[in-house]
Amino acid sequence: MRPYFFGGYVMKKIGIIDYFILLKIDRAKKLITETELSFTEISDSLGFSSSAYFSRTFKKKTGLTPSEYLRKINKIEETSKK
């Protein structure tokens, strides 16, 4: 399946706004785990109107706040190193 076809299919199912929010959340996950940026810097770089809105949106889509997500990832990495 071609990526642009898949993206179009997803957009039809969830709506374009939600699709772009999911893209932002996926990017945020990468930035949280792969950079030393603060949550405010991540929020700003992804175009969220505020860090509070970013945190609420992140929690709504993932079930975790950005801080909880980072702690979970760090815990998984620590466990896998043992």
Protein backbone atom coordinates (compact mmCIF):
# COMPACT_ATOMS: atom_id res chain seq x y z
CA MET A 1 0.00 0.00 0.00
CA ARG A 2 1.41 3.39 -0.95
CA PRO A 3 2.03 5.76 2.00
CA TYR A 4 -0.02 8.61 0.53
CA PHE A 5 -2.93 6.24 -0.05
CA PHE A 6 -2.74 5.01 3.52
CA GLY A 7 -2.61 8.58 4.83
CA GLY A 8 -5.64 9.52 2.73
CA TYR A 9 -7.51 6.50 4.02
CA VAL A 10 -6.72 7.41 7.61
CA MET A 11 -7.74 11.03 7.07
CA LYS A 12 -11.12 9.91 5.75
CA LYS A 13 -11.67 7.71 8.80
CA ILE A 14 -10.58 10.10 11.56
CA GLY A 15 -10.65 13.54 9.98
CA ILE A 16 -7.86 15.77 8.84
CA ILE A 17 -7.50 17.67 12.14
CA ASP A 18 -7.15 14.49 14.19
CA TYR A 19 -4.76 13.09 11.60
CA PHE A 20 -2.44 16.07 11.93
CA ILE A 21 -2.69 15.98 15.72
CA LEU A 22 -1.65 12.31 15.64
CA LEU A 23 1.30 13.24 13.44
CA LYS A 24 2.30 15.92 15.96
CA ILE A 25 1.99 13.48 18.86
CA ASP A 26 4.13 10.91 17.04
CA ARG A 27 6.75 13.61 16.43
CA ALA A 28 6.52 14.69 20.07
CA LYS A 29 7.20 11.11 21.21
CA LYS A 30 10.37 11.10 19.10
CA LEU A 31 11.49 14.46 20.43
CA ILE A 32 10.79 13.43 24.03
CA THR A 33 12.86 10.27 23.75
CA GLU A 34 15.61 11.39 21.37
CA THR A 35 16.39 14.96 22.43
CA GLU A 36 17.02 16.98 25.56
CA LEU A 37 14.35 19.54 24.63
CA SER A 38 11.96 20.66 27.36
CA PHE A 39 8.26 19.95 26.97
CA THR A 40 7.72 23.67 26.37
CA GLU A 41 10.30 23.67 23.57
CA ILE A 42 8.69 20.57 22.04
CA SER A 43 5.27 22.17 22.31
CA ASP A 44 6.51 25.35 20.62
CA SER A 45 8.36 23.49 17.88
CA LEU A 46 5.22 21.52 17.00
CA GLY A 47 3.02 24.60 16.89
CA PHE A 48 0.83 24.01 19.93
CA SER A 49 -0.67 27.23 21.31
CA SER A 50 0.61 26.47 24.81
CA SER A 51 2.47 23.79 26.71
CA ALA A 52 -0.68 23.14 28.76
CA TYR A 53 -2.66 22.44 25.58
CA PHE A 54 0.17 20.21 24.36
CA SER A 55 0.12 18.22 27.61
CA ARG A 56 -3.68 17.84 27.55
CA THR A 57 -3.65 16.76 23.91
CA PHE A 58 -0.75 14.35 24.48
CA LYS A 59 -2.59 12.75 27.42
CA LYS A 60 -5.86 12.55 25.47
CA LYS A 61 -4.16 10.72 22.59
CA THR A 62 -1.71 8.50 24.52
CA GLY A 63 -3.27 8.10 27.96
CA LEU A 64 -0.11 9.56 29.52
CA THR A 65 1.21 13.04 30.14
CA PRO A 66 4.53 13.82 28.44
CA SER A 67 6.29 13.37 31.81
CA GLU A 68 4.61 10.01 32.43
CA TYR A 69 5.50 8.91 28.90
CA LEU A 70 9.17 9.80 29.41
CA ARG A 71 9.28 7.98 32.76
CA LYS A 72 7.67 4.91 31.18
CA ILE A 73 10.18 4.89 28.30
CA ASN A 74 13.12 5.36 30.69
CA LYS A 75 11.86 2.52 32.88
CA ILE A 76 11.54 0.21 29.85
CA GLU A 77 15.07 1.11 28.72
CA GLU A 78 16.48 0.49 32.22
CA THR A 79 14.74 -2.89 32.40
CA SER A 80 16.03 -3.94 28.99
CA LYS A 81 19.62 -3.10 29.99
CA LYS A 82 19.55 -5.52 32.91
